[in-house]
Structures are given as C-alpha cells and as structure tokens.
N, C-alpha and C. Protein backbone atom coordinates (compact mmCIF):
# COMPACT_ATOMS: atom_id res chain seq x y z
N MET A 1 -88.68 180.11 146.65
CA MET A 1 -88.22 180.84 147.82
C MET A 1 -86.71 180.64 147.94
N ALA A 2 -85.96 181.71 148.12
CA ALA A 2 -84.50 181.64 148.27
C ALA A 2 -84.13 181.27 149.70
N TYR A 3 -82.92 180.79 149.84
CA TYR A 3 -82.38 180.35 151.12
C TYR A 3 -81.07 181.09 151.36
N VAL A 4 -80.94 181.73 152.52
CA VAL A 4 -79.75 182.51 152.84
C VAL A 4 -79.04 181.89 154.03
N VAL A 5 -77.71 181.80 153.91
CA VAL A 5 -76.88 181.32 155.00
C VAL A 5 -75.86 182.40 155.32
N VAL A 6 -75.79 182.76 156.60
CA VAL A 6 -74.81 183.73 157.08
C VAL A 6 -73.92 183.02 158.08
N ASN A 7 -72.62 183.06 157.81
CA ASN A 7 -71.66 182.50 158.75
C ASN A 7 -71.01 183.69 159.45
N ALA A 8 -71.25 183.82 160.75
CA ALA A 8 -70.67 184.90 161.55
C ALA A 8 -69.34 184.40 162.11
N LEU A 9 -68.25 184.97 161.62
CA LEU A 9 -66.90 184.56 162.00
C LEU A 9 -66.28 185.56 162.96
N THR A 10 -65.81 185.10 164.09
CA THR A 10 -65.06 185.95 165.00
C THR A 10 -63.61 185.95 164.53
N VAL A 11 -63.12 187.13 164.15
CA VAL A 11 -61.78 187.24 163.58
C VAL A 11 -60.99 188.30 164.34
N PRO A 12 -59.94 187.88 165.07
CA PRO A 12 -59.10 188.86 165.77
C PRO A 12 -58.45 189.82 164.76
N ALA A 13 -58.16 191.02 165.22
CA ALA A 13 -57.61 192.06 164.34
C ALA A 13 -56.36 191.59 163.60
N ASP A 14 -55.51 190.81 164.24
CA ASP A 14 -54.27 190.37 163.58
C ASP A 14 -54.50 189.28 162.54
N GLN A 15 -55.72 188.79 162.39
CA GLN A 15 -56.03 187.76 161.40
C GLN A 15 -56.92 188.26 160.26
N ARG A 16 -57.31 189.53 160.31
CA ARG A 16 -58.23 190.07 159.30
C ARG A 16 -57.66 189.97 157.89
N ASP A 17 -56.42 190.38 157.71
CA ASP A 17 -55.80 190.31 156.38
C ASP A 17 -55.73 188.88 155.87
N THR A 18 -55.41 187.95 156.76
CA THR A 18 -55.33 186.54 156.38
C THR A 18 -56.69 186.03 155.91
N LEU A 19 -57.73 186.32 156.69
CA LEU A 19 -59.07 185.87 156.31
C LEU A 19 -59.49 186.46 154.96
N GLU A 20 -59.30 187.74 154.78
CA GLU A 20 -59.70 188.39 153.54
C GLU A 20 -58.93 187.84 152.35
N ALA A 21 -57.63 187.57 152.52
CA ALA A 21 -56.83 187.01 151.43
C ALA A 21 -57.31 185.60 151.06
N ARG A 22 -57.66 184.81 152.05
CA ARG A 22 -58.16 183.46 151.76
C ARG A 22 -59.48 183.51 150.99
N PHE A 23 -60.37 184.38 151.40
CA PHE A 23 -61.64 184.50 150.67
C PHE A 23 -61.41 185.03 149.26
N ALA A 24 -60.51 186.00 149.10
CA ALA A 24 -60.22 186.55 147.77
C ALA A 24 -59.65 185.48 146.84
N ALA A 25 -58.81 184.60 147.37
CA ALA A 25 -58.19 183.56 146.56
C ALA A 25 -59.19 182.51 146.10
N ARG A 26 -60.27 182.32 146.84
CA ARG A 26 -61.26 181.29 146.50
C ARG A 26 -62.62 181.87 146.16
N ARG A 27 -62.67 183.14 145.89
CA ARG A 27 -63.94 183.84 145.69
C ARG A 27 -64.83 183.18 144.63
N GLN A 28 -64.26 182.68 143.57
CA GLN A 28 -65.03 182.10 142.48
C GLN A 28 -65.41 180.64 142.72
N ALA A 29 -64.89 180.01 143.75
CA ALA A 29 -65.08 178.57 143.96
C ALA A 29 -66.55 178.18 144.10
N VAL A 30 -67.34 178.99 144.73
CA VAL A 30 -68.75 178.65 144.96
C VAL A 30 -69.63 179.02 143.77
N ASP A 31 -69.14 179.86 142.88
CA ASP A 31 -69.95 180.38 141.77
C ASP A 31 -70.56 179.30 140.88
N THR A 32 -69.91 178.17 140.75
CA THR A 32 -70.38 177.12 139.86
C THR A 32 -71.28 176.09 140.56
N ALA A 33 -71.49 176.25 141.85
CA ALA A 33 -72.33 175.29 142.59
C ALA A 33 -73.78 175.40 142.14
N ASP A 34 -74.42 174.26 141.95
CA ASP A 34 -75.83 174.25 141.57
C ASP A 34 -76.66 174.99 142.62
N GLY A 35 -77.51 175.88 142.15
CA GLY A 35 -78.41 176.60 143.05
C GLY A 35 -77.81 177.82 143.71
N PHE A 36 -76.53 178.10 143.46
CA PHE A 36 -75.88 179.27 144.06
C PHE A 36 -76.37 180.54 143.39
N GLN A 37 -76.64 181.58 144.18
CA GLN A 37 -77.08 182.87 143.65
C GLN A 37 -76.11 184.01 143.92
N HIS A 38 -75.60 184.11 145.16
CA HIS A 38 -74.84 185.31 145.53
C HIS A 38 -73.94 185.06 146.74
N PHE A 39 -72.81 185.77 146.77
CA PHE A 39 -71.86 185.71 147.89
C PHE A 39 -71.39 187.12 148.22
N GLU A 40 -71.24 187.39 149.53
CA GLU A 40 -70.59 188.61 150.00
C GLU A 40 -69.84 188.31 151.29
N LEU A 41 -68.65 188.88 151.42
CA LEU A 41 -67.91 188.86 152.67
C LEU A 41 -68.03 190.26 153.25
N LEU A 42 -68.64 190.37 154.41
CA LEU A 42 -68.87 191.67 155.04
C LEU A 42 -67.85 191.91 156.15
N ARG A 43 -67.06 192.96 156.00
CA ARG A 43 -66.03 193.34 156.96
C ARG A 43 -66.62 194.28 158.00
N PRO A 44 -66.35 194.03 159.29
CA PRO A 44 -66.86 194.95 160.31
C PRO A 44 -66.18 196.31 160.22
N VAL A 45 -66.96 197.34 160.48
CA VAL A 45 -66.42 198.70 160.45
C VAL A 45 -65.86 199.07 161.82
N GLU A 46 -66.64 198.85 162.86
CA GLU A 46 -66.16 199.10 164.23
C GLU A 46 -67.08 198.43 165.23
N GLY A 47 -66.55 198.19 166.41
CA GLY A 47 -67.37 197.69 167.50
C GLY A 47 -67.56 196.18 167.56
N THR A 48 -66.97 195.44 166.62
CA THR A 48 -67.12 193.99 166.64
C THR A 48 -65.97 193.33 165.89
N GLU A 49 -65.71 192.08 166.21
CA GLU A 49 -64.73 191.28 165.47
C GLU A 49 -65.43 190.35 164.48
N LEU A 50 -66.75 190.48 164.34
CA LEU A 50 -67.51 189.57 163.48
C LEU A 50 -67.46 189.97 162.01
N TYR A 51 -66.98 189.05 161.20
CA TYR A 51 -67.15 189.13 159.75
C TYR A 51 -68.38 188.31 159.43
N LEU A 52 -69.14 188.73 158.44
CA LEU A 52 -70.31 187.97 158.01
C LEU A 52 -70.07 187.46 156.59
N VAL A 53 -70.22 186.15 156.43
CA VAL A 53 -70.12 185.52 155.12
C VAL A 53 -71.56 185.24 154.69
N TYR A 54 -72.01 185.95 153.67
CA TYR A 54 -73.40 185.88 153.21
C TYR A 54 -73.46 185.09 151.91
N THR A 55 -74.24 184.02 151.90
CA THR A 55 -74.49 183.31 150.65
C THR A 55 -75.98 183.13 150.46
N ARG A 56 -76.40 183.18 149.20
CA ARG A 56 -77.82 183.04 148.86
C ARG A 56 -77.95 181.90 147.86
N TRP A 57 -78.94 181.05 148.09
CA TRP A 57 -79.13 179.81 147.33
C TRP A 57 -80.56 179.71 146.84
N ASP A 58 -80.78 178.88 145.83
CA ASP A 58 -82.14 178.61 145.36
C ASP A 58 -82.98 177.98 146.45
N ASP A 59 -82.36 177.07 147.22
CA ASP A 59 -83.08 176.33 148.26
C ASP A 59 -82.08 175.69 149.22
N GLU A 60 -82.59 175.13 150.31
CA GLU A 60 -81.74 174.52 151.32
C GLU A 60 -80.96 173.33 150.75
N ALA A 61 -81.59 172.55 149.89
CA ALA A 61 -80.92 171.39 149.30
C ALA A 61 -79.67 171.79 148.52
N SER A 62 -79.72 172.90 147.81
CA SER A 62 -78.55 173.39 147.06
C SER A 62 -77.41 173.74 148.02
N TYR A 63 -77.75 174.42 149.10
CA TYR A 63 -76.74 174.77 150.11
C TYR A 63 -76.13 173.51 150.72
N GLN A 64 -76.97 172.55 151.10
CA GLN A 64 -76.47 171.32 151.72
C GLN A 64 -75.56 170.54 150.75
N ALA A 65 -75.92 170.53 149.47
CA ALA A 65 -75.08 169.86 148.48
C ALA A 65 -73.70 170.52 148.41
N TRP A 66 -73.67 171.85 148.47
CA TRP A 66 -72.38 172.57 148.49
C TRP A 66 -71.59 172.21 149.75
N ARG A 67 -72.25 172.19 150.90
CA ARG A 67 -71.58 171.85 152.16
C ARG A 67 -70.99 170.45 152.13
N ASP A 68 -71.61 169.55 151.39
CA ASP A 68 -71.14 168.17 151.31
C ASP A 68 -70.16 167.92 150.16
N SER A 69 -69.82 168.96 149.40
CA SER A 69 -69.01 168.81 148.19
C SER A 69 -67.50 168.78 148.49
N GLN A 70 -66.77 168.26 147.51
CA GLN A 70 -65.31 168.25 147.58
C GLN A 70 -64.76 169.68 147.53
N GLN A 71 -65.40 170.55 146.76
CA GLN A 71 -64.96 171.94 146.66
C GLN A 71 -65.02 172.63 148.02
N PHE A 72 -66.10 172.38 148.75
CA PHE A 72 -66.24 172.98 150.08
C PHE A 72 -65.13 172.45 151.00
N ALA A 73 -64.93 171.14 150.99
CA ALA A 73 -63.91 170.53 151.85
C ALA A 73 -62.52 171.07 151.52
N ALA A 74 -62.22 171.23 150.23
CA ALA A 74 -60.91 171.74 149.82
C ALA A 74 -60.69 173.17 150.29
N GLY A 75 -61.73 173.96 150.30
CA GLY A 75 -61.61 175.35 150.70
C GLY A 75 -61.58 175.58 152.20
N HIS A 76 -61.94 174.57 152.96
CA HIS A 76 -62.04 174.74 154.41
C HIS A 76 -61.09 173.83 155.18
N GLY A 77 -60.13 173.26 154.50
CA GLY A 77 -59.18 172.38 155.17
C GLY A 77 -57.77 172.94 155.13
N GLY A 78 -56.96 172.51 156.04
CA GLY A 78 -55.56 172.90 156.04
C GLY A 78 -55.32 174.32 156.52
N GLY A 79 -54.14 174.55 156.98
CA GLY A 79 -53.76 175.88 157.44
C GLY A 79 -54.33 176.22 158.80
N ARG A 80 -53.74 177.21 159.40
CA ARG A 80 -54.22 177.71 160.70
C ARG A 80 -55.48 178.53 160.50
N PRO A 81 -56.54 178.26 161.23
CA PRO A 81 -57.77 179.04 161.06
C PRO A 81 -57.54 180.52 161.39
N ALA A 82 -58.12 181.41 160.58
CA ALA A 82 -58.05 182.84 160.85
C ALA A 82 -59.13 183.25 161.84
N ALA A 83 -60.22 182.51 161.87
CA ALA A 83 -61.33 182.82 162.77
C ALA A 83 -61.20 182.00 164.05
N THR A 84 -61.60 182.62 165.16
CA THR A 84 -61.56 181.91 166.44
C THR A 84 -62.92 181.37 166.85
N GLY A 85 -63.94 181.69 166.07
CA GLY A 85 -65.29 181.21 166.36
C GLY A 85 -66.17 181.37 165.13
N SER A 86 -67.24 180.61 165.11
CA SER A 86 -68.14 180.63 163.96
C SER A 86 -69.55 180.28 164.41
N SER A 87 -70.52 180.95 163.82
CA SER A 87 -71.92 180.66 164.09
C SER A 87 -72.68 180.74 162.77
N ILE A 88 -73.43 179.71 162.44
CA ILE A 88 -74.19 179.67 161.20
C ILE A 88 -75.63 180.10 161.46
N TRP A 89 -76.10 181.07 160.66
CA TRP A 89 -77.48 181.53 160.72
C TRP A 89 -78.12 181.21 159.37
N GLU A 90 -79.29 180.58 159.38
CA GLU A 90 -79.96 180.20 158.15
C GLU A 90 -81.34 180.85 158.09
N PHE A 91 -81.71 181.33 156.88
CA PHE A 91 -82.96 182.07 156.69
C PHE A 91 -83.64 181.66 155.39
N GLU A 92 -84.94 181.75 155.35
CA GLU A 92 -85.70 181.68 154.12
C GLU A 92 -86.11 183.10 153.75
N VAL A 93 -86.02 183.42 152.48
CA VAL A 93 -86.45 184.74 152.01
C VAL A 93 -87.94 184.66 151.72
N CYS A 94 -88.72 185.55 152.35
CA CYS A 94 -90.17 185.51 152.15
C CYS A 94 -90.65 186.72 151.38
C-alpha cells in the first residue's frame, strides 16, 4: 500500500516565484530517498493561495526516514520562508 503526503502551503502572491524557484533548484533531492515514488508541486490557478506539495512513498516509514534525513534538513533550513503557513495531510492509497 502506498503512502501519500500533501503539504498545503499558504503562499502570498509576492512569494510565488520564490517558492517555485526553491523547489525547482532542489527538485531532484528527494528522488534518491529510499521508498520515494513521486513528487509534484501544484500551483493554484485561482481562488486560493495554497500550493500543494504532493509526495508518494512506498510506506509511512520511508516518508518518516526522509523527514528525519540530513537532505530534508538541508532543504528546509535557512533563508526567509516563502510560505506563511503549512498543513500536512497524510493518506494511505487503497
């Protein structure tokens, strides 16, 4: 059974380019993580400031190992945050 994590990021209009550039620069960073299957950054079209960061994993343990990794810490530290809020949604694929 696959495990999906969606991070809903609130991103003000003036920070959209910054957020997208940061994800583009590190897009391949998660690709080598054990159990990683897929990544997508979903840009809102209209009516919301929410970007959705979609990742799919073999299982919850693989996702947790990524969250606890040095690669994750390196990609999420330093600099002014582009997002003003974040909410993590976790799902099992049935």
